[in-house]
C-alpha atoms as a PDB file:
ATOM      1  CA  MET A   1     -16.470  37.069  -6.440  1.00  0.00           C
ATOM      2  CA  ASN A   2     -14.681  33.312  -7.401  1.00  0.00           C
ATOM      3  CA  ASN A   3     -11.717  33.865  -9.956  1.00  0.00           C
ATOM      4  CA  GLU A   4     -11.800  30.073 -10.794  1.00  0.00           C
ATOM      5  CA  LEU A   5     -12.757  29.479 -14.135  1.00  0.00           C
ATOM      6  CA  GLN A   6     -14.839  26.488 -14.617  1.00  0.00           C
ATOM      7  CA  PHE A   7     -14.694  23.887 -17.456  1.00  0.00           C
ATOM      8  CA  ILE A   8     -17.253  23.858 -19.950  1.00  0.00           C
ATOM      9  CA  ASP A   9     -16.975  21.253 -22.700  1.00  0.00           C
ATOM     10  CA  TYR A  10     -17.008  21.768 -26.154  1.00  0.00           C
ATOM     11  CA  PRO A  11     -20.592  21.506 -28.482  1.00  0.00           C
ATOM     12  CA  PRO A  12     -20.850  17.236 -29.593  1.00  0.00           C
ATOM     13  CA  LYS A  13     -21.247  18.718 -32.807  1.00  0.00           C
ATOM     14  CA  LEU A  14     -17.464  20.087 -32.915  1.00  0.00           C
ATOM     15  CA  ILE A  15     -16.180  17.243 -31.342  1.00  0.00           C
ATOM     16  CA  LYS A  16     -18.076  14.642 -33.632  1.00  0.00           C
ATOM     17  CA  ALA A  17     -16.559  16.780 -36.417  1.00  0.00           C
ATOM     18  CA  LYS A  18     -12.853  16.917 -34.858  1.00  0.00           C
ATOM     19  CA  LEU A  19     -13.177  13.096 -34.419  1.00  0.00           C
ATOM     20  CA  GLN A  20     -14.084  12.627 -38.437  1.00  0.00           C
ATOM     21  CA  LEU A  21     -11.096  14.926 -39.314  1.00  0.00           C
ATOM     22  CA  CYS A  22      -9.021  12.368 -37.138  1.00  0.00           C
ATOM     23  CA  ASN A  23     -10.120   9.123 -38.793  1.00  0.00           C
ATOM     24  CA  ASP A  24      -9.850  10.762 -42.147  1.00  0.00           C
ATOM     25  CA  TYR A  25      -6.521  11.412 -41.699  1.00  0.00           C
ATOM     26  CA  GLU A  26      -5.468   8.134 -39.765  1.00  0.00           C
ATOM     27  CA  ALA A  27      -7.662   6.468 -43.122  1.00  0.00           C
ATOM     28  CA  LYS A  28      -4.869   8.381 -45.428  1.00  0.00           C
ATOM     29  CA  TYR A  29      -1.589   8.657 -43.421  1.00  0.00           C
ATOM     30  CA  GLY A  30      -1.487   5.826 -40.824  1.00  0.00           C
ATOM     31  CA  ALA A  31      -1.769   5.920 -37.162  1.00  0.00           C
ATOM     32  CA  SER A  32       0.286   8.448 -35.520  1.00  0.00           C
ATOM     33  CA  HIS A  33       0.658   9.278 -31.616  1.00  0.00           C
ATOM     34  CA  THR A  34      -1.123  12.907 -32.305  1.00  0.00           C
ATOM     35  CA  VAL A  35      -3.752  11.303 -34.234  1.00  0.00           C
ATOM     36  CA  THR A  36      -4.386   8.903 -31.020  1.00  0.00           C
ATOM     37  CA  ALA A  37      -4.296  11.866 -28.650  1.00  0.00           C
ATOM     38  CA  TRP A  38      -6.685  13.669 -30.469  1.00  0.00           C
ATOM     39  CA  LYS A  39      -8.898  10.731 -30.791  1.00  0.00           C
ATOM     40  CA  LYS A  40      -8.814   9.733 -27.485  1.00  0.00           C
ATOM     41  CA  TRP A  41      -9.677  13.650 -26.600  1.00  0.00           C
ATOM     42  CA  CYS A  42     -12.474  13.586 -28.482  1.00  0.00           C
ATOM     43  CA  GLU A  43     -13.677  10.304 -27.153  1.00  0.00           C
ATOM     44  CA  SER A  44     -13.539  11.217 -23.459  1.00  0.00           C
ATOM     45  CA  TYR A  45     -15.008  14.035 -21.251  1.00  0.00           C
ATOM     46  CA  ASP A  46     -12.847  13.182 -18.753  1.00  0.00           C
ATOM     47  CA  TYR A  47      -9.360  13.099 -20.549  1.00  0.00           C
ATOM     48  CA  ARG A  48     -10.917  16.722 -22.184  1.00  0.00           C
ATOM     49  CA  LYS A  49     -11.754  18.066 -18.525  1.00  0.00           C
ATOM     50  CA  ASN A  50      -8.432  16.646 -17.369  1.00  0.00           C
ATOM     51  CA  GLU A  51      -6.511  18.130 -20.102  1.00  0.00           C
ATOM     52  CA  TRP A  52      -8.037  21.149 -19.650  1.00  0.00           C
ATOM     53  CA  GLN A  53      -7.286  21.716 -15.523  1.00  0.00           C
ATOM     54  CA  PHE A  54      -3.660  20.936 -16.852  1.00  0.00           C
ATOM     55  CA  ARG A  55      -3.394  23.630 -18.935  1.00  0.00           C
ATOM     56  CA  HIS A  56      -4.750  26.039 -16.707  1.00  0.00           C
ATOM     57  CA  ASN A  57      -2.776  24.708 -13.370  1.00  0.00           C
ATOM     58  CA  VAL A  58       0.355  25.213 -15.826  1.00  0.00           C
ATOM     59  CA  ALA A  59      -0.642  29.073 -16.317  1.00  0.00           C
ATOM     60  CA  LYS A  60      -1.701  29.404 -12.616  1.00  0.00           C
ATOM     61  CA  SER A  61       1.814  28.108 -11.684  1.00  0.00           C
ATOM     62  CA  VAL A  62       3.316  30.068 -14.115  1.00  0.00           C
ATOM     63  CA  LYS A  63       1.536  33.477 -13.201  1.00  0.00           C
ATOM     64  CA  TYR A  64       1.824  32.897  -9.736  1.00  0.00           C
ATOM     65  CA  GLY A  65       5.366  31.959  -9.558  1.00  0.00           C
ATOM     66  CA  GLY A  66       6.586  35.581 -10.524  1.00  0.00           C
ATOM     67  CA  TYR A  67       6.899  34.674 -14.471  1.00  0.00           C
ATOM     68  CA  GLU A  68       3.939  36.047 -15.657  1.00  0.00           C
ATOM     69  CA  TYR A  69       3.974  35.710 -19.331  1.00  0.00           C
ATOM     70  CA  THR A  70       3.342  38.954 -21.370  1.00  0.00           C
ATOM     71  CA  ALA A  71       3.010  38.781 -25.145  1.00  0.00           C
ATOM     72  CA  SER A  72       5.461  41.272 -26.762  1.00  0.00           C
END
């Protein structure tokens, strides 16, 4: 059995809603690094996939490094 997780993209409706929130926030408060990153996440499939892979690889490195996180 393969234990590797596969990337499944978010539904377009949710991505569009998040992008609208970013645009509304930016219009109200101005540009910021956080909003810019979220907009890039919303606009690029490859960015979302790379971000997902990064998070999972960090989790795997912690798990296999002998420092498995357990919530207390």
